[in-house]
């Protein structure tokens, strides 16, 4: 053993015990102190305008909600803003062409009266337009529940926090569709 190698407290090897491997000489000891360079700090951001009725500290918070309906999955993100709703990088009016789907998607915001306080960004995949509108509605309701806990009773009573579990019934073998049978002739 040389003076540059760290001393290891290893008992002498017995004939039946395997030899303990020695660490390589180029690895520094583990108790060495690593000096860190000072990190430049950014100036403090200006105080963001507070939202009326929003929870404290909502200017810097993003609220997420996930909604599912039929085969659709929607990931909803609430950011403090002026009421812009973007679904898959398109405006609400351009994405949902049917008025019923538009009303269904924004119903939780209209019920709680906070539509003009948040910008809503949605990524939705799978299913058709009706299923996607239902998924967006559930995702918005769940995100609103995180932002405003006091609206839980109103959202639950309106049915916006309940996952609609109805899905398409599977096709059975020996039949044309899930329940449709082939035509039967008695004579």
N, C-alpha and C. Protein backbone atom coordinates (compact mmCIF):
# COMPACT_ATOMS: atom_id res chain seq x y z
N UNK A 1 0.85 -1.17 0.00
CA UNK A 1 0.00 0.00 0.00
C UNK A 1 0.89 1.23 0.00
N UNK A 2 0.52 2.21 -0.81
CA UNK A 2 1.31 3.44 -0.88
C UNK A 2 0.63 4.52 -0.08
N UNK A 3 1.33 5.67 0.02
CA UNK A 3 0.78 6.78 0.81
C UNK A 3 -0.37 7.48 0.08
N UNK A 4 -0.46 7.37 -1.24
CA UNK A 4 -1.51 8.06 -1.99
C UNK A 4 -2.82 7.30 -1.99
N UNK A 5 -2.80 6.01 -1.77
CA UNK A 5 -4.03 5.23 -1.77
C UNK A 5 -4.70 5.30 -0.41
N UNK A 6 -6.03 5.42 -0.36
CA UNK A 6 -6.71 5.45 0.94
C UNK A 6 -6.66 4.08 1.57
N UNK A 7 -6.56 4.08 2.86
CA UNK A 7 -6.51 2.82 3.60
C UNK A 7 -7.91 2.27 3.76
N UNK A 8 -8.09 1.01 3.45
CA UNK A 8 -9.39 0.36 3.62
C UNK A 8 -9.29 -0.59 4.79
N UNK A 9 -10.30 -0.57 5.63
CA UNK A 9 -10.33 -1.48 6.77
C UNK A 9 -10.91 -2.80 6.33
N UNK A 10 -10.06 -3.64 5.74
CA UNK A 10 -10.49 -4.93 5.23
C UNK A 10 -9.71 -5.99 6.00
N UNK A 11 -10.42 -6.97 6.57
CA UNK A 11 -9.69 -8.02 7.28
C UNK A 11 -8.84 -8.82 6.29
N UNK A 12 -7.79 -9.40 6.76
CA UNK A 12 -6.95 -10.18 5.86
C UNK A 12 -7.75 -11.32 5.26
N UNK A 13 -7.48 -11.61 4.00
CA UNK A 13 -8.23 -12.63 3.29
C UNK A 13 -7.86 -14.01 3.80
N UNK A 14 -8.88 -14.79 4.11
CA UNK A 14 -8.63 -16.16 4.53
C UNK A 14 -8.63 -17.05 3.30
N UNK A 15 -8.08 -18.25 3.38
CA UNK A 15 -8.00 -19.08 2.19
C UNK A 15 -9.37 -19.43 1.63
N UNK A 16 -10.42 -19.56 2.47
CA UNK A 16 -11.72 -19.92 1.91
C UNK A 16 -12.56 -18.71 1.48
N UNK A 17 -12.28 -17.51 1.96
CA UNK A 17 -13.05 -16.32 1.61
C UNK A 17 -12.53 -15.73 0.30
N UNK A 18 -13.45 -15.22 -0.56
CA UNK A 18 -12.99 -14.61 -1.81
C UNK A 18 -12.32 -13.27 -1.53
N UNK A 19 -11.47 -12.84 -2.42
CA UNK A 19 -10.75 -11.58 -2.26
C UNK A 19 -11.70 -10.42 -2.50
N UNK A 20 -11.55 -9.35 -1.71
CA UNK A 20 -12.37 -8.16 -1.84
C UNK A 20 -11.74 -7.27 -2.90
N UNK A 21 -12.49 -6.83 -3.91
CA UNK A 21 -11.90 -6.00 -4.95
C UNK A 21 -11.54 -4.63 -4.39
N UNK A 22 -10.41 -4.10 -4.85
CA UNK A 22 -9.94 -2.79 -4.43
C UNK A 22 -10.45 -1.73 -5.41
N UNK A 23 -10.81 -0.52 -4.91
CA UNK A 23 -11.26 0.52 -5.83
C UNK A 23 -10.11 1.01 -6.69
N UNK A 24 -10.42 1.46 -7.93
CA UNK A 24 -9.37 1.98 -8.80
C UNK A 24 -8.76 3.24 -8.19
N UNK A 25 -7.53 3.51 -8.55
CA UNK A 25 -6.81 4.64 -7.97
C UNK A 25 -7.28 5.97 -8.52
N UNK A 26 -7.94 6.00 -9.71
CA UNK A 26 -8.34 7.28 -10.30
C UNK A 26 -9.66 7.80 -9.77
N UNK A 27 -10.38 7.07 -8.92
CA UNK A 27 -11.65 7.53 -8.35
C UNK A 27 -11.34 8.33 -7.09
N UNK A 28 -11.84 9.58 -7.00
CA UNK A 28 -11.57 10.38 -5.81
C UNK A 28 -12.31 9.81 -4.61
N UNK A 29 -11.84 10.09 -3.42
CA UNK A 29 -12.53 9.61 -2.22
C UNK A 29 -13.93 10.20 -2.14
N UNK A 30 -14.85 9.46 -1.52
CA UNK A 30 -16.25 9.88 -1.48
C UNK A 30 -16.50 11.00 -0.51
N UNK A 31 -15.62 11.23 0.44
CA UNK A 31 -15.86 12.29 1.40
C UNK A 31 -15.26 13.62 0.97
N UNK A 32 -14.88 13.75 -0.28
CA UNK A 32 -14.33 15.01 -0.78
C UNK A 32 -15.44 16.04 -0.90
N UNK A 33 -15.13 17.28 -0.62
CA UNK A 33 -16.09 18.36 -0.69
C UNK A 33 -16.04 18.95 -2.09
N UNK A 34 -17.19 19.04 -2.74
CA UNK A 34 -17.28 19.62 -4.06
C UNK A 34 -17.77 21.04 -3.91
N UNK A 35 -16.97 21.98 -4.42
CA UNK A 35 -17.37 23.38 -4.32
C UNK A 35 -18.32 23.69 -5.45
N UNK A 36 -19.38 24.41 -5.14
CA UNK A 36 -20.35 24.78 -6.16
C UNK A 36 -20.17 26.24 -6.52
N UNK A 37 -20.41 26.53 -7.78
CA UNK A 37 -20.29 27.91 -8.22
C UNK A 37 -21.58 28.65 -7.87
N UNK A 38 -21.47 29.92 -7.57
CA UNK A 38 -22.69 30.67 -7.24
C UNK A 38 -23.59 30.77 -8.46
N UNK A 39 -24.89 30.59 -8.25
CA UNK A 39 -25.87 30.63 -9.32
C UNK A 39 -26.44 32.04 -9.40
N UNK A 40 -26.47 32.56 -10.61
CA UNK A 40 -27.02 33.90 -10.80
C UNK A 40 -28.53 33.84 -10.58
N UNK A 41 -29.04 34.73 -9.78
CA UNK A 41 -30.47 34.75 -9.51
C UNK A 41 -31.14 35.77 -10.41
N UNK A 42 -32.31 35.39 -10.89
CA UNK A 42 -33.08 36.28 -11.76
C UNK A 42 -33.78 37.32 -10.90
N UNK A 43 -34.03 38.50 -11.46
CA UNK A 43 -34.76 39.50 -10.69
C UNK A 43 -36.17 39.00 -10.39
N UNK A 44 -36.71 39.45 -9.29
CA UNK A 44 -38.04 39.02 -8.88
C UNK A 44 -39.07 39.49 -9.90
N UNK A 45 -40.01 38.61 -10.29
CA UNK A 45 -41.03 39.03 -11.26
C UNK A 45 -41.99 40.03 -10.62
N UNK A 46 -42.59 40.81 -11.52
CA UNK A 46 -43.56 41.78 -11.03
C UNK A 46 -44.77 41.05 -10.46
N UNK A 47 -45.42 41.67 -9.53
CA UNK A 47 -46.59 41.05 -8.91
C UNK A 47 -47.68 40.90 -9.96
N UNK A 48 -48.14 39.68 -10.16
CA UNK A 48 -49.19 39.42 -11.13
C UNK A 48 -50.53 39.90 -10.59
N UNK A 49 -51.42 40.33 -11.46
CA UNK A 49 -52.73 40.76 -10.98
C UNK A 49 -53.48 39.59 -10.35
N UNK A 50 -54.15 39.86 -9.27
CA UNK A 50 -54.88 38.80 -8.58
C UNK A 50 -56.25 38.63 -9.22
N UNK A 51 -56.74 37.42 -9.21
CA UNK A 51 -58.05 37.11 -9.77
C UNK A 51 -59.09 37.22 -8.69
N UNK A 52 -60.20 37.82 -9.01
CA UNK A 52 -61.27 37.95 -8.01
C UNK A 52 -61.88 36.58 -7.75
N UNK A 53 -61.95 36.21 -6.50
CA UNK A 53 -62.54 34.93 -6.13
C UNK A 53 -61.61 33.75 -6.31
N UNK A 54 -60.40 34.00 -6.82
CA UNK A 54 -59.45 32.90 -7.02
C UNK A 54 -58.76 32.58 -5.71
N UNK A 55 -58.28 31.38 -5.55
CA UNK A 55 -57.57 31.04 -4.33
C UNK A 55 -56.28 31.83 -4.22
N UNK A 56 -55.76 32.05 -3.00
CA UNK A 56 -54.54 32.83 -2.86
C UNK A 56 -53.38 32.15 -3.57
N UNK A 57 -52.55 32.97 -4.22
CA UNK A 57 -51.41 32.44 -4.94
C UNK A 57 -51.78 31.81 -6.27
N UNK A 58 -52.98 32.09 -6.79
CA UNK A 58 -53.43 31.45 -8.03
C UNK A 58 -52.74 32.03 -9.25
N UNK A 59 -52.07 33.18 -9.11
CA UNK A 59 -51.43 33.79 -10.26
C UNK A 59 -50.26 32.94 -10.75
N UNK A 60 -49.66 32.14 -9.88
CA UNK A 60 -48.50 31.36 -10.26
C UNK A 60 -48.80 29.87 -10.33
N UNK A 61 -50.06 29.48 -10.26
CA UNK A 61 -50.42 28.08 -10.15
C UNK A 61 -51.12 27.62 -11.42
N UNK A 62 -50.82 26.39 -11.82
CA UNK A 62 -51.52 25.75 -12.93
C UNK A 62 -52.28 24.56 -12.36
N UNK A 63 -53.55 24.46 -12.69
CA UNK A 63 -54.39 23.37 -12.20
C UNK A 63 -54.66 22.40 -13.34
N UNK A 64 -54.49 21.10 -13.06
CA UNK A 64 -54.68 20.05 -14.05
C UNK A 64 -55.91 19.21 -13.70
N UNK A 65 -56.56 18.71 -14.74
CA UNK A 65 -57.65 17.77 -14.55
C UNK A 65 -57.70 16.81 -15.72
N UNK A 66 -58.03 15.57 -15.46
CA UNK A 66 -58.13 14.55 -16.50
C UNK A 66 -59.57 14.07 -16.57
N UNK A 67 -60.11 14.03 -17.77
CA UNK A 67 -61.47 13.56 -17.96
C UNK A 67 -61.52 12.45 -18.99
N UNK A 68 -62.41 11.51 -18.78
CA UNK A 68 -62.59 10.40 -19.72
C UNK A 68 -64.08 10.21 -20.01
N UNK A 69 -64.38 9.86 -21.25
CA UNK A 69 -65.75 9.56 -21.65
C UNK A 69 -65.70 8.68 -22.88
N UNK A 70 -66.37 7.54 -22.86
CA UNK A 70 -66.30 6.54 -23.93
C UNK A 70 -64.84 6.19 -24.18
N UNK A 71 -64.32 6.47 -25.36
CA UNK A 71 -62.90 6.17 -25.65
C UNK A 71 -62.05 7.43 -25.63
N UNK A 72 -62.59 8.54 -25.19
CA UNK A 72 -61.87 9.81 -25.21
C UNK A 72 -61.18 10.08 -23.88
N UNK A 73 -60.00 10.68 -23.95
CA UNK A 73 -59.25 11.10 -22.77
C UNK A 73 -58.84 12.55 -22.99
N UNK A 74 -59.18 13.42 -22.02
CA UNK A 74 -58.86 14.84 -22.12
C UNK A 74 -57.97 15.25 -20.95
N UNK A 75 -56.88 15.94 -21.26
CA UNK A 75 -56.01 16.52 -20.23
C UNK A 75 -56.22 18.03 -20.26
N UNK A 76 -56.73 18.57 -19.16
CA UNK A 76 -57.14 19.97 -19.09
C UNK A 76 -56.17 20.72 -18.18
N UNK A 77 -55.74 21.90 -18.63
CA UNK A 77 -54.83 22.73 -17.85
C UNK A 77 -55.42 24.12 -17.69
N UNK A 78 -55.53 24.59 -16.46
CA UNK A 78 -56.05 25.93 -16.16
C UNK A 78 -54.88 26.85 -15.85
N UNK A 79 -54.81 27.98 -16.54
CA UNK A 79 -53.78 29.00 -16.32
C UNK A 79 -54.51 30.32 -16.11
N UNK A 80 -54.12 31.13 -15.14
CA UNK A 80 -54.78 32.43 -14.98
C UNK A 80 -54.70 33.25 -16.26
N UNK A 81 -55.82 33.82 -16.66
CA UNK A 81 -55.86 34.57 -17.91
C UNK A 81 -57.19 35.25 -18.12
N UNK A 82 -57.56 35.39 -19.40
CA UNK A 82 -58.75 36.16 -19.74
C UNK A 82 -59.92 35.38 -20.29
N UNK A 83 -59.89 34.07 -20.26
CA UNK A 83 -61.05 33.30 -20.71
C UNK A 83 -60.87 32.60 -22.04
N UNK A 84 -59.63 32.46 -22.50
CA UNK A 84 -59.37 31.80 -23.78
C UNK A 84 -59.44 30.29 -23.57
N UNK A 85 -60.12 29.57 -24.47
CA UNK A 85 -60.23 28.11 -24.41
C UNK A 85 -59.65 27.55 -25.70
N UNK A 86 -58.58 26.75 -25.56
CA UNK A 86 -57.89 26.16 -26.71
C UNK A 86 -57.93 24.65 -26.56
N UNK A 87 -58.43 23.96 -27.60
CA UNK A 87 -58.51 22.51 -27.59
C UNK A 87 -57.70 21.99 -28.77
N UNK A 88 -56.68 21.20 -28.49
CA UNK A 88 -55.77 20.67 -29.51
C UNK A 88 -55.28 21.77 -30.45
N UNK A 89 -54.78 22.84 -29.88
CA UNK A 89 -54.23 23.99 -30.59
C UNK A 89 -55.24 24.70 -31.50
N UNK A 90 -56.54 24.52 -31.23
CA UNK A 90 -57.58 25.22 -31.97
C UNK A 90 -58.55 25.86 -30.99
N UNK A 91 -59.18 26.93 -31.42
CA UNK A 91 -60.16 27.60 -30.57
C UNK A 91 -61.36 26.69 -30.36
N UNK A 92 -62.08 26.92 -29.28
CA UNK A 92 -63.24 26.09 -28.94
C UNK A 92 -64.26 26.07 -30.08
N UNK A 93 -64.53 27.23 -30.67
CA UNK A 93 -65.53 27.32 -31.73
C UNK A 93 -65.09 26.58 -32.99
N UNK A 94 -63.79 26.49 -33.22
CA UNK A 94 -63.29 25.78 -34.40
C UNK A 94 -63.19 24.28 -34.17
N UNK A 95 -63.02 23.87 -32.94
CA UNK A 95 -62.86 22.44 -32.67
C UNK A 95 -64.21 21.74 -32.56
N UNK A 96 -65.10 22.27 -31.72
CA UNK A 96 -66.44 21.70 -31.59
C UNK A 96 -67.39 22.51 -32.46
N UNK A 97 -67.83 21.93 -33.56
CA UNK A 97 -68.69 22.67 -34.49
C UNK A 97 -70.15 22.64 -34.06
N UNK A 98 -70.55 21.62 -33.31
CA UNK A 98 -71.94 21.53 -32.85
C UNK A 98 -72.12 22.38 -31.60
N UNK A 99 -73.18 23.18 -31.53
CA UNK A 99 -73.40 24.02 -30.35
C UNK A 99 -73.56 23.22 -29.06
N UNK A 100 -74.19 22.04 -29.16
CA UNK A 100 -74.39 21.22 -27.96
C UNK A 100 -73.06 20.76 -27.38
N UNK A 101 -72.10 20.44 -28.24
CA UNK A 101 -70.79 20.01 -27.76
C UNK A 101 -70.04 21.17 -27.10
N UNK A 102 -70.17 22.37 -27.66
CA UNK A 102 -69.53 23.55 -27.06
C UNK A 102 -70.11 23.83 -25.67
N UNK A 103 -71.43 23.79 -25.57
CA UNK A 103 -72.07 24.04 -24.28
C UNK A 103 -71.71 22.98 -23.26
N UNK A 104 -71.62 21.74 -23.71
CA UNK A 104 -71.27 20.63 -22.82
C UNK A 104 -69.85 20.78 -22.30
N UNK A 105 -68.94 21.23 -23.15
CA UNK A 105 -67.53 21.32 -22.77
C UNK A 105 -67.30 22.42 -21.73
N UNK A 106 -67.99 23.55 -21.84
CA UNK A 106 -67.74 24.68 -20.94
C UNK A 106 -68.75 24.78 -19.81
N UNK A 107 -69.62 23.79 -19.66
CA UNK A 107 -70.67 23.86 -18.65
C UNK A 107 -70.14 24.06 -17.23
N UNK A 108 -69.05 23.39 -16.79
CA UNK A 108 -68.56 23.64 -15.42
C UNK A 108 -68.09 25.07 -15.20
N UNK A 109 -67.47 25.67 -16.25
CA UNK A 109 -67.02 27.06 -16.12
C UNK A 109 -68.21 28.01 -16.00
N UNK A 110 -69.26 27.75 -16.78
CA UNK A 110 -70.44 28.61 -16.73
C UNK A 110 -71.17 28.45 -15.39
N UNK A 111 -71.22 27.24 -14.87
CA UNK A 111 -71.91 27.00 -13.60
C UNK A 111 -71.24 27.76 -12.46
N UNK A 112 -69.91 27.71 -12.40
CA UNK A 112 -69.19 28.36 -11.31
C UNK A 112 -68.97 29.84 -11.56
N UNK A 113 -69.13 30.31 -12.80
CA UNK A 113 -68.99 31.73 -13.11
C UNK A 113 -67.55 32.22 -13.15
N UNK A 114 -66.60 31.36 -13.50
CA UNK A 114 -65.19 31.77 -13.52
C UNK A 114 -64.59 31.65 -14.92
N UNK A 115 -65.44 31.69 -15.94
CA UNK A 115 -64.94 31.48 -17.30
C UNK A 115 -63.97 32.57 -17.73
N UNK A 116 -64.16 33.79 -17.32
CA UNK A 116 -63.32 34.91 -17.76
C UNK A 116 -62.03 35.04 -16.94
N UNK A 117 -61.83 34.19 -15.94
CA UNK A 117 -60.65 34.31 -15.09
C UNK A 117 -59.53 33.36 -15.47
N UNK A 118 -59.80 32.38 -16.31
CA UNK A 118 -58.82 31.35 -16.62
C UNK A 118 -58.67 31.17 -18.12
N UNK A 119 -57.45 30.87 -18.55
CA UNK A 119 -57.20 30.37 -19.89
C UNK A 119 -57.14 28.85 -19.76
N UNK A 120 -57.86 28.15 -20.63
CA UNK A 120 -57.96 26.70 -20.54
C UNK A 120 -57.31 26.10 -21.78
N UNK A 121 -56.36 25.20 -21.55
CA UNK A 121 -55.69 24.49 -22.64
C UNK A 121 -55.98 23.01 -22.48
N UNK A 122 -56.47 22.38 -23.56
CA UNK A 122 -56.92 20.99 -23.50
C UNK A 122 -56.23 20.19 -24.59
N UNK A 123 -55.76 19.00 -24.23
CA UNK A 123 -55.34 17.99 -25.20
C UNK A 123 -56.31 16.83 -25.06
N UNK A 124 -56.99 16.50 -26.15
CA UNK A 124 -57.98 15.43 -26.10
C UNK A 124 -57.71 14.46 -27.24
N UNK A 125 -57.82 13.17 -26.94
CA UNK A 125 -57.54 12.12 -27.92
C UNK A 125 -58.63 11.06 -27.87
N UNK A 126 -58.88 10.41 -29.00
CA UNK A 126 -59.76 9.25 -29.05
C UNK A 126 -61.23 9.61 -29.10
N UNK A 127 -62.02 8.67 -29.61
CA UNK A 127 -63.46 8.84 -29.62
C UNK A 127 -63.95 9.83 -30.65
N UNK A 128 -65.22 10.18 -30.54
CA UNK A 128 -65.85 11.13 -31.44
C UNK A 128 -66.09 12.46 -30.76
N UNK A 129 -66.79 13.34 -31.43
CA UNK A 129 -66.97 14.70 -30.90
C UNK A 129 -67.80 14.72 -29.62
N UNK A 130 -68.80 13.87 -29.51
CA UNK A 130 -69.63 13.86 -28.30
C UNK A 130 -68.84 13.31 -27.10
N UNK A 131 -68.10 12.24 -27.31
CA UNK A 131 -67.28 11.68 -26.24
C UNK A 131 -66.18 12.63 -25.81
N UNK A 132 -65.59 13.33 -26.77
CA UNK A 132 -64.54 14.29 -26.43
C UNK A 132 -65.09 15.46 -25.65
N UNK A 133 -66.30 15.92 -26.00
CA UNK A 133 -66.91 17.02 -25.24
C UNK A 133 -67.19 16.59 -23.81
N UNK A 134 -67.65 15.36 -23.61
CA UNK A 134 -67.88 14.86 -22.26
C UNK A 134 -66.58 14.70 -21.48
N UNK A 135 -65.51 14.28 -22.14
CA UNK A 135 -64.22 14.15 -21.47
C UNK A 135 -63.67 15.52 -21.07
N UNK A 136 -63.83 16.51 -21.93
CA UNK A 136 -63.38 17.87 -21.60
C UNK A 136 -64.18 18.40 -20.43
N UNK A 137 -65.47 18.15 -20.40
CA UNK A 137 -66.32 18.62 -19.28
C UNK A 137 -65.86 18.03 -17.96
N UNK A 138 -65.59 16.73 -17.91
CA UNK A 138 -65.14 16.11 -16.67
C UNK A 138 -63.76 16.62 -16.27
N UNK A 139 -62.86 16.79 -17.23
CA UNK A 139 -61.53 17.33 -16.93
C UNK A 139 -61.60 18.74 -16.38
N UNK A 140 -62.46 19.58 -16.96
CA UNK A 140 -62.61 20.95 -16.47
C UNK A 140 -63.20 20.96 -15.06
N UNK A 141 -64.16 20.10 -14.81
CA UNK A 141 -64.76 20.05 -13.48
C UNK A 141 -63.74 19.61 -12.44
N UNK A 142 -62.89 18.65 -12.77
CA UNK A 142 -61.88 18.19 -11.82
C UNK A 142 -60.82 19.26 -11.58
N UNK A 143 -60.43 19.99 -12.61
CA UNK A 143 -59.46 21.08 -12.43
C UNK A 143 -60.08 22.21 -11.61
N UNK A 144 -61.36 22.51 -11.85
CA UNK A 144 -62.04 23.54 -11.06
C UNK A 144 -62.13 23.15 -9.60
N UNK A 145 -62.33 21.88 -9.35
CA UNK A 145 -62.42 21.40 -7.97
C UNK A 145 -61.10 21.62 -7.24
N UNK A 146 -59.97 21.46 -7.93
CA UNK A 146 -58.67 21.72 -7.31
C UNK A 146 -58.48 23.21 -7.06
N UNK A 147 -58.98 24.05 -7.96
CA UNK A 147 -58.80 25.49 -7.82
C UNK A 147 -59.78 26.09 -6.81
N UNK A 148 -61.01 25.64 -6.84
CA UNK A 148 -62.06 26.18 -5.98
C UNK A 148 -62.75 25.03 -5.26
N UNK A 149 -62.31 24.74 -4.07
CA UNK A 149 -62.89 23.62 -3.32
C UNK A 149 -64.32 23.91 -2.88
N UNK A 150 -64.69 25.18 -2.78
CA UNK A 150 -66.03 25.53 -2.30
C UNK A 150 -67.12 25.24 -3.34
N UNK A 151 -66.76 24.98 -4.60
CA UNK A 151 -67.75 24.69 -5.64
C UNK A 151 -68.04 23.20 -5.79
N UNK A 152 -67.53 22.38 -4.90
CA UNK A 152 -67.70 20.93 -5.05
C UNK A 152 -69.17 20.53 -5.02
N UNK A 153 -69.95 21.10 -4.13
CA UNK A 153 -71.37 20.72 -4.02
C UNK A 153 -72.13 21.06 -5.30
N UNK A 154 -71.88 22.23 -5.87
CA UNK A 154 -72.58 22.62 -7.10
C UNK A 154 -72.16 21.74 -8.27
N UNK A 155 -70.88 21.45 -8.38
CA UNK A 155 -70.40 20.60 -9.47
C UNK A 155 -70.91 19.18 -9.34
N UNK A 156 -70.95 18.67 -8.11
CA UNK A 156 -71.41 17.29 -7.91
C UNK A 156 -72.92 17.18 -8.13
N UNK A 157 -73.68 18.18 -7.65
CA UNK A 157 -75.13 18.14 -7.83
C UNK A 157 -75.52 18.23 -9.30
N UNK A 158 -74.71 18.92 -10.11
CA UNK A 158 -75.00 19.01 -11.54
C UNK A 158 -74.52 17.79 -12.31
N UNK A 159 -73.78 16.90 -11.65
CA UNK A 159 -73.32 15.68 -12.30
C UNK A 159 -72.03 15.85 -13.08
N UNK A 160 -71.31 16.95 -12.88
CA UNK A 160 -70.10 17.19 -13.65
C UNK A 160 -68.89 16.46 -13.10
N UNK A 161 -68.95 15.95 -11.88
CA UNK A 161 -67.82 15.23 -11.30
C UNK A 161 -67.99 13.72 -11.39
N UNK A 162 -69.06 13.27 -12.01
CA UNK A 162 -69.34 11.84 -12.12
C UNK A 162 -68.85 11.33 -13.47
N UNK A 163 -68.04 10.29 -13.43
CA UNK A 163 -67.53 9.67 -14.66
C UNK A 163 -68.63 8.84 -15.29
N UNK A 164 -68.98 9.12 -16.53
CA UNK A 164 -70.00 8.36 -17.23
C UNK A 164 -69.35 7.07 -17.75
N UNK A 165 -69.70 5.95 -17.17
CA UNK A 165 -69.02 4.69 -17.45
C UNK A 165 -69.59 3.95 -18.65
N UNK A 166 -70.58 4.52 -19.33
CA UNK A 166 -71.17 3.81 -20.46
C UNK A 166 -70.20 3.78 -21.64
N UNK A 167 -69.93 2.59 -22.14
CA UNK A 167 -69.08 2.43 -23.31
C UNK A 167 -69.77 1.51 -24.29
N UNK A 168 -69.21 1.37 -25.47
CA UNK A 168 -69.81 0.54 -26.50
C UNK A 168 -69.71 -0.92 -26.10
N UNK A 169 -70.84 -1.62 -26.24
CA UNK A 169 -70.86 -3.04 -25.91
C UNK A 169 -70.10 -3.82 -26.98
N UNK A 170 -69.38 -4.84 -26.56
CA UNK A 170 -68.56 -5.60 -27.50
C UNK A 170 -69.42 -6.48 -28.41
N UNK A 171 -68.88 -6.76 -29.58
CA UNK A 171 -69.55 -7.67 -30.52
C UNK A 171 -69.35 -9.10 -30.03
N UNK A 172 -70.42 -9.90 -30.16
CA UNK A 172 -70.34 -11.30 -29.76
C UNK A 172 -70.20 -12.18 -31.00
N UNK A 173 -69.54 -13.29 -30.82
CA UNK A 173 -69.38 -14.22 -31.95
C UNK A 173 -70.73 -14.85 -32.26
N UNK A 174 -70.93 -15.20 -33.53
CA UNK A 174 -72.18 -15.79 -33.95
C UNK A 174 -73.28 -14.77 -34.18
N UNK A 175 -72.99 -13.49 -34.01
CA UNK A 175 -73.98 -12.43 -34.24
C UNK A 175 -73.37 -11.38 -35.15
N UNK A 176 -74.25 -10.56 -35.71
CA UNK A 176 -73.77 -9.52 -36.62
C UNK A 176 -73.14 -8.34 -35.85
N UNK A 177 -73.75 -7.95 -34.75
CA UNK A 177 -73.25 -6.85 -33.93
C UNK A 177 -73.29 -7.31 -32.48
N UNK A 178 -73.34 -6.36 -31.54
CA UNK A 178 -73.35 -6.73 -30.13
C UNK A 178 -74.60 -7.53 -29.78
N UNK A 179 -75.75 -7.09 -30.29
CA UNK A 179 -77.00 -7.80 -29.98
C UNK A 179 -77.77 -8.24 -31.22
N UNK A 180 -77.43 -7.73 -32.37
CA UNK A 180 -78.15 -8.05 -33.61
C UNK A 180 -77.89 -9.49 -34.00
N UNK A 181 -78.99 -10.22 -34.24
CA UNK A 181 -78.86 -11.61 -34.67
C UNK A 181 -79.18 -11.69 -36.16
N UNK A 182 -78.81 -12.81 -36.74
CA UNK A 182 -79.15 -13.01 -38.14
C UNK A 182 -80.65 -13.27 -38.26
N UNK A 183 -81.19 -12.98 -39.42
CA UNK A 183 -82.64 -13.14 -39.63
C UNK A 183 -83.04 -14.60 -39.47
N UNK A 184 -84.14 -14.79 -38.74
CA UNK A 184 -84.61 -16.15 -38.44
C UNK A 184 -85.94 -16.37 -39.20
N UNK A 185 -86.01 -17.48 -39.89
CA UNK A 185 -87.23 -17.83 -40.61
C UNK A 185 -87.79 -19.11 -40.02
N UNK A 186 -89.01 -19.04 -39.52
CA UNK A 186 -89.61 -20.22 -38.91
C UNK A 186 -90.00 -21.25 -39.97
N UNK A 187 -90.47 -20.79 -41.16
CA UNK A 187 -90.88 -21.73 -42.23
C UNK A 187 -90.13 -21.44 -43.49
